[in-house]
Amino acid sequence: MFKKHFYALPNTVLIGTVFVLTLDRLFKNLSLHYWNDKPVFIFKYLALVFSKNYDISFSITTFLNPLYLILPIFILLIGFLFYSLQKKHFIEASMLFLIVAGASSNLFDRFVYGYVIDYISVPFFTVFNLADALICIGVILISWKTLNTKN
């Protein structure tokens, strides 16, 4: 009985992440083809709009090509993900999977289009996408777990 519940969270994270990535790819295509001309307002302060992001997440500017920063980190994260799976640390692997999945979607854009497609516009903040949200959720969960782990 315990074993069934132990594997439930990672499976839920896997299914949820695949669903969100599917939505992300769908929204990126809609953004590229339909929201390019004018934004679609969801709420007064939230719009779906096409935006090219040549920088890193949340349009943070770097003086280097973003791939020089992103690729080594991405490769390290994949290594940590496989290590966590090998050691059967499925909770940590689930958190890393969120980051790797979000980064994969954005890397795909960067290689295919030369930029990342962002489409969620929040005034006075930035334009981002669901892949960015997955990355942030994964980083927040890992940080929270690390800070709350007793030595």
N, C-alpha and C. Protein backbone atom coordinates (compact mmCIF):
# COMPACT_ATOMS: atom_id res chain seq x y z
N MET A 1 0.83 -1.20 0.00
CA MET A 1 0.00 0.00 0.00
C MET A 1 0.87 1.26 0.00
N PHE A 2 1.91 1.30 0.84
CA PHE A 2 2.79 2.46 0.91
C PHE A 2 3.48 2.69 -0.43
N LYS A 3 3.91 1.60 -1.06
CA LYS A 3 4.63 1.71 -2.32
C LYS A 3 3.76 2.39 -3.39
N LYS A 4 2.47 2.08 -3.40
CA LYS A 4 1.56 2.69 -4.37
C LYS A 4 1.51 4.21 -4.19
N HIS A 5 1.41 4.68 -2.96
CA HIS A 5 1.35 6.12 -2.70
C HIS A 5 2.71 6.78 -2.93
N PHE A 6 3.80 6.05 -2.70
CA PHE A 6 5.14 6.60 -2.88
C PHE A 6 5.37 6.99 -4.33
N TYR A 7 4.86 6.18 -5.26
CA TYR A 7 5.06 6.45 -6.67
C TYR A 7 3.98 7.35 -7.26
N ALA A 8 2.94 7.67 -6.51
CA ALA A 8 1.84 8.47 -7.04
C ALA A 8 2.27 9.90 -7.35
N LEU A 9 3.04 10.53 -6.47
CA LEU A 9 3.45 11.92 -6.70
C LEU A 9 4.30 12.07 -7.95
N PRO A 10 5.38 11.28 -8.12
CA PRO A 10 6.17 11.44 -9.35
C PRO A 10 5.35 11.18 -10.62
N ASN A 11 4.44 10.21 -10.57
CA ASN A 11 3.60 9.96 -11.75
C ASN A 11 2.67 11.13 -12.02
N THR A 12 2.13 11.72 -10.97
CA THR A 12 1.27 12.90 -11.13
C THR A 12 2.05 14.06 -11.70
N VAL A 13 3.27 14.26 -11.22
CA VAL A 13 4.13 15.33 -11.74
C VAL A 13 4.44 15.08 -13.21
N LEU A 14 4.74 13.85 -13.56
CA LEU A 14 5.05 13.50 -14.95
C LEU A 14 3.87 13.78 -15.86
N ILE A 15 2.69 13.32 -15.49
CA ILE A 15 1.50 13.52 -16.31
C ILE A 15 1.15 15.01 -16.38
N GLY A 16 1.19 15.69 -15.24
CA GLY A 16 0.89 17.13 -15.22
C GLY A 16 1.86 17.93 -16.06
N THR A 17 3.13 17.59 -15.99
CA THR A 17 4.15 18.31 -16.75
C THR A 17 3.97 18.10 -18.25
N VAL A 18 3.69 16.88 -18.64
CA VAL A 18 3.44 16.61 -20.07
C VAL A 18 2.22 17.40 -20.55
N PHE A 19 1.18 17.47 -19.72
CA PHE A 19 -0.02 18.24 -20.07
C PHE A 19 0.33 19.73 -20.24
N VAL A 20 1.07 20.29 -19.27
CA VAL A 20 1.42 21.71 -19.34
C VAL A 20 2.34 21.99 -20.53
N LEU A 21 3.26 21.08 -20.81
CA LEU A 21 4.14 21.27 -21.98
C LEU A 21 3.35 21.21 -23.28
N THR A 22 2.35 20.35 -23.34
CA THR A 22 1.49 20.29 -24.52
C THR A 22 0.75 21.62 -24.69
N LEU A 23 0.22 22.15 -23.59
CA LEU A 23 -0.43 23.46 -23.64
C LEU A 23 0.57 24.54 -24.06
N ASP A 24 1.78 24.47 -23.53
CA ASP A 24 2.80 25.45 -23.87
C ASP A 24 3.08 25.46 -25.37
N ARG A 25 3.26 24.27 -25.94
CA ARG A 25 3.52 24.19 -27.39
C ARG A 25 2.33 24.69 -28.18
N LEU A 26 1.11 24.35 -27.74
CA LEU A 26 -0.10 24.82 -28.41
C LEU A 26 -0.18 26.35 -28.36
N PHE A 27 0.02 26.93 -27.17
CA PHE A 27 -0.04 28.38 -27.03
C PHE A 27 1.06 29.08 -27.82
N LYS A 28 2.23 28.46 -27.88
CA LYS A 28 3.32 29.06 -28.67
C LYS A 28 2.94 29.09 -30.15
N ASN A 29 2.32 28.03 -30.65
CA ASN A 29 1.89 28.02 -32.04
C ASN A 29 0.77 29.02 -32.29
N LEU A 30 -0.20 29.08 -31.38
CA LEU A 30 -1.27 30.07 -31.51
C LEU A 30 -0.69 31.48 -31.49
N SER A 31 0.26 31.70 -30.59
CA SER A 31 0.89 33.01 -30.49
C SER A 31 1.60 33.37 -31.78
N LEU A 32 2.33 32.45 -32.31
CA LEU A 32 3.11 32.68 -33.53
C LEU A 32 2.22 32.98 -34.73
N HIS A 33 1.07 32.32 -34.82
CA HIS A 33 0.23 32.45 -36.01
C HIS A 33 -0.99 33.36 -35.85
N TYR A 34 -1.52 33.50 -34.63
CA TYR A 34 -2.78 34.24 -34.47
C TYR A 34 -2.69 35.47 -33.58
N TRP A 35 -1.81 35.46 -32.58
CA TRP A 35 -1.75 36.58 -31.64
C TRP A 35 -0.66 37.56 -32.03
N ASN A 36 -0.12 37.40 -33.22
CA ASN A 36 0.97 38.25 -33.66
C ASN A 36 0.50 39.68 -33.94
N ASP A 37 -0.72 39.83 -34.42
CA ASP A 37 -1.21 41.15 -34.79
C ASP A 37 -1.74 41.96 -33.62
N LYS A 38 -2.55 41.33 -32.78
CA LYS A 38 -3.07 42.07 -31.63
C LYS A 38 -3.27 41.12 -30.46
N PRO A 39 -3.06 41.61 -29.24
CA PRO A 39 -3.17 40.75 -28.06
C PRO A 39 -4.61 40.33 -27.78
N VAL A 40 -4.74 39.19 -27.12
CA VAL A 40 -6.04 38.69 -26.66
C VAL A 40 -6.06 38.88 -25.15
N PHE A 41 -6.95 39.75 -24.67
CA PHE A 41 -7.01 40.03 -23.23
C PHE A 41 -7.86 38.99 -22.52
N ILE A 42 -7.27 38.40 -21.47
CA ILE A 42 -7.98 37.43 -20.63
C ILE A 42 -8.66 38.18 -19.49
N PHE A 43 -7.89 38.98 -18.80
CA PHE A 43 -8.37 39.87 -17.76
C PHE A 43 -7.86 41.27 -18.11
N LYS A 44 -8.20 42.22 -17.28
CA LYS A 44 -7.77 43.59 -17.54
C LYS A 44 -6.24 43.70 -17.60
N TYR A 45 -5.55 42.94 -16.75
CA TYR A 45 -4.10 43.04 -16.67
C TYR A 45 -3.38 41.77 -17.12
N LEU A 46 -4.03 40.95 -17.91
CA LEU A 46 -3.40 39.72 -18.39
C LEU A 46 -3.80 39.52 -19.85
N ALA A 47 -2.79 39.42 -20.72
CA ALA A 47 -3.07 39.27 -22.15
C ALA A 47 -2.20 38.17 -22.75
N LEU A 48 -2.72 37.57 -23.79
CA LEU A 48 -1.95 36.61 -24.59
C LEU A 48 -1.48 37.35 -25.83
N VAL A 49 -0.18 37.38 -26.02
CA VAL A 49 0.42 38.18 -27.08
C VAL A 49 1.70 37.48 -27.56
N PHE A 50 2.05 37.68 -28.80
CA PHE A 50 3.28 37.12 -29.33
C PHE A 50 4.46 38.01 -28.97
N SER A 51 5.52 37.40 -28.44
CA SER A 51 6.71 38.16 -28.10
C SER A 51 7.94 37.29 -28.34
N LYS A 52 8.94 37.88 -28.97
CA LYS A 52 10.22 37.18 -29.19
C LYS A 52 11.14 37.49 -28.02
N ASN A 53 11.66 36.45 -27.39
CA ASN A 53 12.60 36.64 -26.28
C ASN A 53 13.97 36.12 -26.71
N TYR A 54 14.88 37.03 -26.96
CA TYR A 54 16.24 36.66 -27.35
C TYR A 54 17.14 36.46 -26.13
N ASP A 55 16.64 36.81 -24.95
CA ASP A 55 17.42 36.71 -23.72
C ASP A 55 17.06 35.43 -22.97
N ILE A 56 17.33 35.40 -21.66
CA ILE A 56 16.98 34.23 -20.86
C ILE A 56 15.62 34.47 -20.21
N SER A 57 15.21 33.60 -19.33
CA SER A 57 13.86 33.66 -18.75
C SER A 57 13.50 35.05 -18.24
N PHE A 58 12.23 35.39 -18.42
CA PHE A 58 11.67 36.67 -18.00
C PHE A 58 12.42 37.85 -18.60
N SER A 59 12.99 37.64 -19.79
CA SER A 59 13.70 38.69 -20.55
C SER A 59 14.88 39.29 -19.81
N ILE A 60 15.52 38.50 -18.95
CA ILE A 60 16.73 38.97 -18.27
C ILE A 60 17.85 39.02 -19.30
N THR A 61 18.45 40.18 -19.43
CA THR A 61 19.48 40.41 -20.45
C THR A 61 20.83 39.91 -19.98
N THR A 62 21.56 39.31 -20.91
CA THR A 62 22.94 38.90 -20.65
C THR A 62 23.82 39.48 -21.74
N PHE A 63 25.11 39.55 -21.47
CA PHE A 63 26.04 40.05 -22.47
C PHE A 63 26.56 38.93 -23.35
N LEU A 64 26.25 37.69 -22.97
CA LEU A 64 26.66 36.52 -23.74
C LEU A 64 25.48 35.99 -24.53
N ASN A 65 25.78 35.14 -25.47
CA ASN A 65 24.73 34.38 -26.13
C ASN A 65 24.07 33.51 -25.05
N PRO A 66 22.75 33.56 -24.89
CA PRO A 66 22.10 32.78 -23.83
C PRO A 66 22.40 31.29 -23.87
N LEU A 67 22.69 30.76 -25.05
CA LEU A 67 23.00 29.33 -25.12
C LEU A 67 24.28 28.98 -24.37
N TYR A 68 25.22 29.91 -24.27
CA TYR A 68 26.45 29.66 -23.52
C TYR A 68 26.15 29.47 -22.03
N LEU A 69 25.09 30.07 -21.55
CA LEU A 69 24.69 29.89 -20.15
C LEU A 69 23.72 28.73 -19.97
N ILE A 70 22.79 28.60 -20.90
CA ILE A 70 21.70 27.64 -20.74
C ILE A 70 22.14 26.20 -20.98
N LEU A 71 22.90 25.95 -22.03
CA LEU A 71 23.27 24.57 -22.36
C LEU A 71 24.06 23.85 -21.27
N PRO A 72 25.11 24.45 -20.69
CA PRO A 72 25.82 23.74 -19.62
C PRO A 72 24.93 23.46 -18.41
N ILE A 73 24.09 24.42 -18.05
CA ILE A 73 23.18 24.21 -16.92
C ILE A 73 22.19 23.11 -17.26
N PHE A 74 21.68 23.11 -18.49
CA PHE A 74 20.73 22.09 -18.93
C PHE A 74 21.36 20.70 -18.86
N ILE A 75 22.59 20.57 -19.32
CA ILE A 75 23.29 19.28 -19.28
C ILE A 75 23.51 18.82 -17.84
N LEU A 76 23.89 19.75 -16.96
CA LEU A 76 24.05 19.40 -15.54
C LEU A 76 22.72 18.95 -14.92
N LEU A 77 21.65 19.64 -15.25
CA LEU A 77 20.34 19.26 -14.72
C LEU A 77 19.91 17.87 -15.17
N ILE A 78 20.19 17.55 -16.42
CA ILE A 78 19.87 16.20 -16.91
C ILE A 78 20.70 15.17 -16.15
N GLY A 79 21.97 15.49 -15.90
CA GLY A 79 22.81 14.59 -15.11
C GLY A 79 22.27 14.38 -13.70
N PHE A 80 21.87 15.47 -13.05
CA PHE A 80 21.27 15.36 -11.71
C PHE A 80 19.96 14.59 -11.75
N LEU A 81 19.18 14.77 -12.81
CA LEU A 81 17.92 14.05 -12.94
C LEU A 81 18.17 12.55 -13.03
N PHE A 82 19.11 12.12 -13.88
CA PHE A 82 19.41 10.70 -14.00
C PHE A 82 20.02 10.14 -12.71
N TYR A 83 20.84 10.94 -12.05
CA TYR A 83 21.41 10.51 -10.76
C TYR A 83 20.31 10.29 -9.73
N SER A 84 19.36 11.23 -9.67
CA SER A 84 18.24 11.11 -8.73
C SER A 84 17.39 9.88 -9.04
N LEU A 85 17.18 9.61 -10.31
CA LEU A 85 16.42 8.42 -10.69
C LEU A 85 17.18 7.14 -10.33
N GLN A 86 18.49 7.15 -10.55
CA GLN A 86 19.31 5.98 -10.23
C GLN A 86 19.29 5.70 -8.73
N LYS A 87 19.35 6.76 -7.92
CA LYS A 87 19.33 6.61 -6.46
C LYS A 87 17.91 6.44 -5.91
N LYS A 88 16.92 6.46 -6.80
CA LYS A 88 15.50 6.32 -6.44
C LYS A 88 15.02 7.44 -5.53
N HIS A 89 15.55 8.62 -5.79
CA HIS A 89 15.07 9.83 -5.12
C HIS A 89 14.02 10.46 -6.03
N PHE A 90 12.84 9.88 -6.02
CA PHE A 90 11.83 10.24 -7.01
C PHE A 90 11.23 11.63 -6.79
N ILE A 91 11.20 12.09 -5.56
CA ILE A 91 10.68 13.43 -5.29
C ILE A 91 11.62 14.47 -5.91
N GLU A 92 12.93 14.34 -5.66
CA GLU A 92 13.89 15.26 -6.24
C GLU A 92 13.89 15.17 -7.76
N ALA A 93 13.77 13.94 -8.28
CA ALA A 93 13.73 13.75 -9.73
C ALA A 93 12.51 14.44 -10.33
N SER A 94 11.40 14.40 -9.63
CA SER A 94 10.18 15.07 -10.11
C SER A 94 10.39 16.57 -10.21
N MET A 95 11.05 17.15 -9.21
CA MET A 95 11.31 18.59 -9.22
C MET A 95 12.27 18.95 -10.35
N LEU A 96 13.29 18.14 -10.54
CA LEU A 96 14.25 18.37 -11.63
C LEU A 96 13.57 18.20 -12.99
N PHE A 97 12.64 17.26 -13.06
CA PHE A 97 11.93 17.03 -14.32
C PHE A 97 11.15 18.26 -14.76
N LEU A 98 10.56 18.97 -13.80
CA LEU A 98 9.84 20.20 -14.13
C LEU A 98 10.77 21.20 -14.82
N ILE A 99 11.96 21.35 -14.26
CA ILE A 99 12.93 22.31 -14.81
C ILE A 99 13.42 21.86 -16.19
N VAL A 100 13.78 20.60 -16.31
CA VAL A 100 14.30 20.07 -17.57
C VAL A 100 13.23 20.13 -18.66
N ALA A 101 11.99 19.82 -18.31
CA ALA A 101 10.91 19.85 -19.31
C ALA A 101 10.68 21.28 -19.79
N GLY A 102 10.59 22.24 -18.87
CA GLY A 102 10.41 23.63 -19.27
C GLY A 102 11.57 24.14 -20.11
N ALA A 103 12.77 23.80 -19.70
CA ALA A 103 13.96 24.23 -20.45
C ALA A 103 13.99 23.59 -21.84
N SER A 104 13.53 22.35 -21.95
CA SER A 104 13.51 21.67 -23.25
C SER A 104 12.61 22.40 -24.24
N SER A 105 11.44 22.82 -23.77
CA SER A 105 10.52 23.54 -24.65
C SER A 105 11.13 24.86 -25.12
N ASN A 106 11.77 25.57 -24.21
CA ASN A 106 12.39 26.84 -24.58
C ASN A 106 13.62 26.63 -25.46
N LEU A 107 14.39 25.58 -25.20
CA LEU A 107 15.55 25.29 -26.06
C LEU A 107 15.11 24.93 -27.47
N PHE A 108 14.01 24.19 -27.57
CA PHE A 108 13.46 23.86 -28.88
C PHE A 108 13.19 25.14 -29.67
N ASP A 109 12.52 26.10 -29.03
CA ASP A 109 12.26 27.39 -29.69
C ASP A 109 13.55 28.07 -30.12
N ARG A 110 14.51 28.09 -29.22
CA ARG A 110 15.76 28.80 -29.49
C ARG A 110 16.49 28.20 -30.69
N PHE A 111 16.47 26.87 -30.79
CA PHE A 111 17.15 26.23 -31.92
C PHE A 111 16.36 26.37 -33.22
N VAL A 112 15.03 26.30 -33.15
CA VAL A 112 14.20 26.36 -34.37
C VAL A 112 14.01 27.79 -34.85
N TYR A 113 13.70 28.71 -33.93
CA TYR A 113 13.36 30.09 -34.32
C TYR A 113 14.48 31.10 -34.05
N GLY A 114 15.42 30.76 -33.19
CA GLY A 114 16.48 31.70 -32.82
C GLY A 114 16.09 32.56 -31.63
N TYR A 115 14.92 32.35 -31.10
CA TYR A 115 14.41 33.06 -29.92
C TYR A 115 13.37 32.17 -29.24
N VAL A 116 12.99 32.55 -28.04
CA VAL A 116 11.94 31.82 -27.32
C VAL A 116 10.64 32.58 -27.51
N ILE A 117 9.58 31.84 -27.79
CA ILE A 117 8.26 32.46 -27.95
C ILE A 117 7.64 32.62 -26.57
N ASP A 118 7.37 33.87 -26.20
CA ASP A 118 6.66 34.18 -24.96
C ASP A 118 5.28 34.69 -25.33
N TYR A 119 4.30 34.45 -24.47
CA TYR A 119 2.94 34.82 -24.84
C TYR A 119 2.05 35.27 -23.69
N ILE A 120 2.46 35.18 -22.46
CA ILE A 120 1.65 35.64 -21.33
C ILE A 120 2.21 37.00 -20.90
N SER A 121 1.43 38.04 -21.13
CA SER A 121 1.88 39.39 -20.82
C SER A 121 1.22 39.89 -19.54
N VAL A 122 2.06 40.27 -18.59
CA VAL A 122 1.60 40.86 -17.33
C VAL A 122 2.20 42.27 -17.26
N PRO A 123 1.35 43.30 -17.30
CA PRO A 123 1.88 44.67 -17.28
C PRO A 123 2.75 44.94 -16.05
N PHE A 124 3.76 45.73 -16.24
CA PHE A 124 4.71 46.11 -15.19
C PHE A 124 5.53 44.92 -14.70
N PHE A 125 5.48 43.79 -15.40
CA PHE A 125 6.29 42.63 -15.03
C PHE A 125 7.08 42.21 -16.25
N THR A 126 6.57 41.31 -17.03
CA THR A 126 7.26 40.84 -18.22
C THR A 126 6.32 39.99 -19.05
N VAL A 127 6.84 39.45 -20.13
CA VAL A 127 6.11 38.48 -20.94
C VAL A 127 6.83 37.15 -20.74
N PHE A 128 6.07 36.10 -20.48
CA PHE A 128 6.67 34.79 -20.23
C PHE A 128 5.79 33.71 -20.83
N ASN A 129 6.13 32.44 -20.61
CA ASN A 129 5.34 31.32 -21.13
C ASN A 129 5.20 30.24 -20.06
N LEU A 130 4.45 29.20 -20.35
CA LEU A 130 4.24 28.13 -19.37
C LEU A 130 5.53 27.36 -19.08
N ALA A 131 6.41 27.26 -20.05
CA ALA A 131 7.69 26.58 -19.81
C ALA A 131 8.50 27.35 -18.76
N ASP A 132 8.47 28.68 -18.82
CA ASP A 132 9.13 29.49 -17.79
C ASP A 132 8.51 29.22 -16.42
N ALA A 133 7.19 29.08 -16.39
CA ALA A 133 6.50 28.80 -15.13
C ALA A 133 6.92 27.44 -14.57
N LEU A 134 7.06 26.43 -15.43
CA LEU A 134 7.52 25.11 -14.97
C LEU A 134 8.92 25.21 -14.37
N ILE A 135 9.79 25.94 -15.03
CA ILE A 135 11.15 26.11 -14.52
C ILE A 135 11.12 26.76 -13.15
N CYS A 136 10.34 27.82 -13.01
CA CYS A 136 10.25 28.53 -11.72
C CYS A 136 9.67 27.65 -10.63
N ILE A 137 8.62 26.90 -10.94
CA ILE A 137 8.02 26.01 -9.94
C ILE A 137 9.04 24.96 -9.49
N GLY A 138 9.77 24.39 -10.44
CA GLY A 138 10.79 23.40 -10.08
C GLY A 138 11.88 23.99 -9.20
N VAL A 139 12.36 25.18 -9.54
CA VAL A 139 13.41 25.84 -8.74
C VAL A 139 12.88 26.17 -7.34
N ILE A 140 11.66 26.67 -7.25
CA ILE A 140 11.07 26.99 -5.94
C ILE A 140 10.93 25.74 -5.09
N LEU A 141 10.45 24.64 -5.67
CA LEU A 141 10.28 23.39 -4.91
C LEU A 141 11.62 22.83 -4.43
N ILE A 142 12.63 22.86 -5.30
CA ILE A 142 13.95 22.38 -4.90
C ILE A 142 14.52 23.25 -3.80
N SER A 143 14.37 24.56 -3.93
CA SER A 143 14.87 25.48 -2.90
C SER A 143 14.15 25.25 -1.58
N TRP A 144 12.85 25.10 -1.63
CA TRP A 144 12.06 24.86 -0.42
C TRP A 144 12.48 23.55 0.25
N LYS A 145 12.66 22.49 -0.55
CA LYS A 145 13.06 21.20 0.01
C LYS A 145 14.46 21.29 0.62
N THR A 146 15.36 21.98 -0.06
CA THR A 146 16.73 22.12 0.43
C THR A 146 16.75 22.91 1.74
N LEU A 147 15.99 23.98 1.81
CA LEU A 147 15.97 24.81 3.03
C LEU A 147 15.29 24.10 4.20
N ASN A 148 14.37 23.19 3.90
CA ASN A 148 13.63 22.50 4.96
C ASN A 148 14.18 21.12 5.28
N THR A 149 15.30 20.74 4.67
CA THR A 149 15.92 19.46 4.98
C THR A 149 16.81 19.61 6.20
N LYS A 150 16.57 18.76 7.18
CA LYS A 150 17.39 18.80 8.41
C LYS A 150 18.60 17.91 8.21
N ASN A 151 19.75 18.41 8.61
CA ASN A 151 21.01 17.65 8.48
C ASN A 151 21.14 16.64 9.58
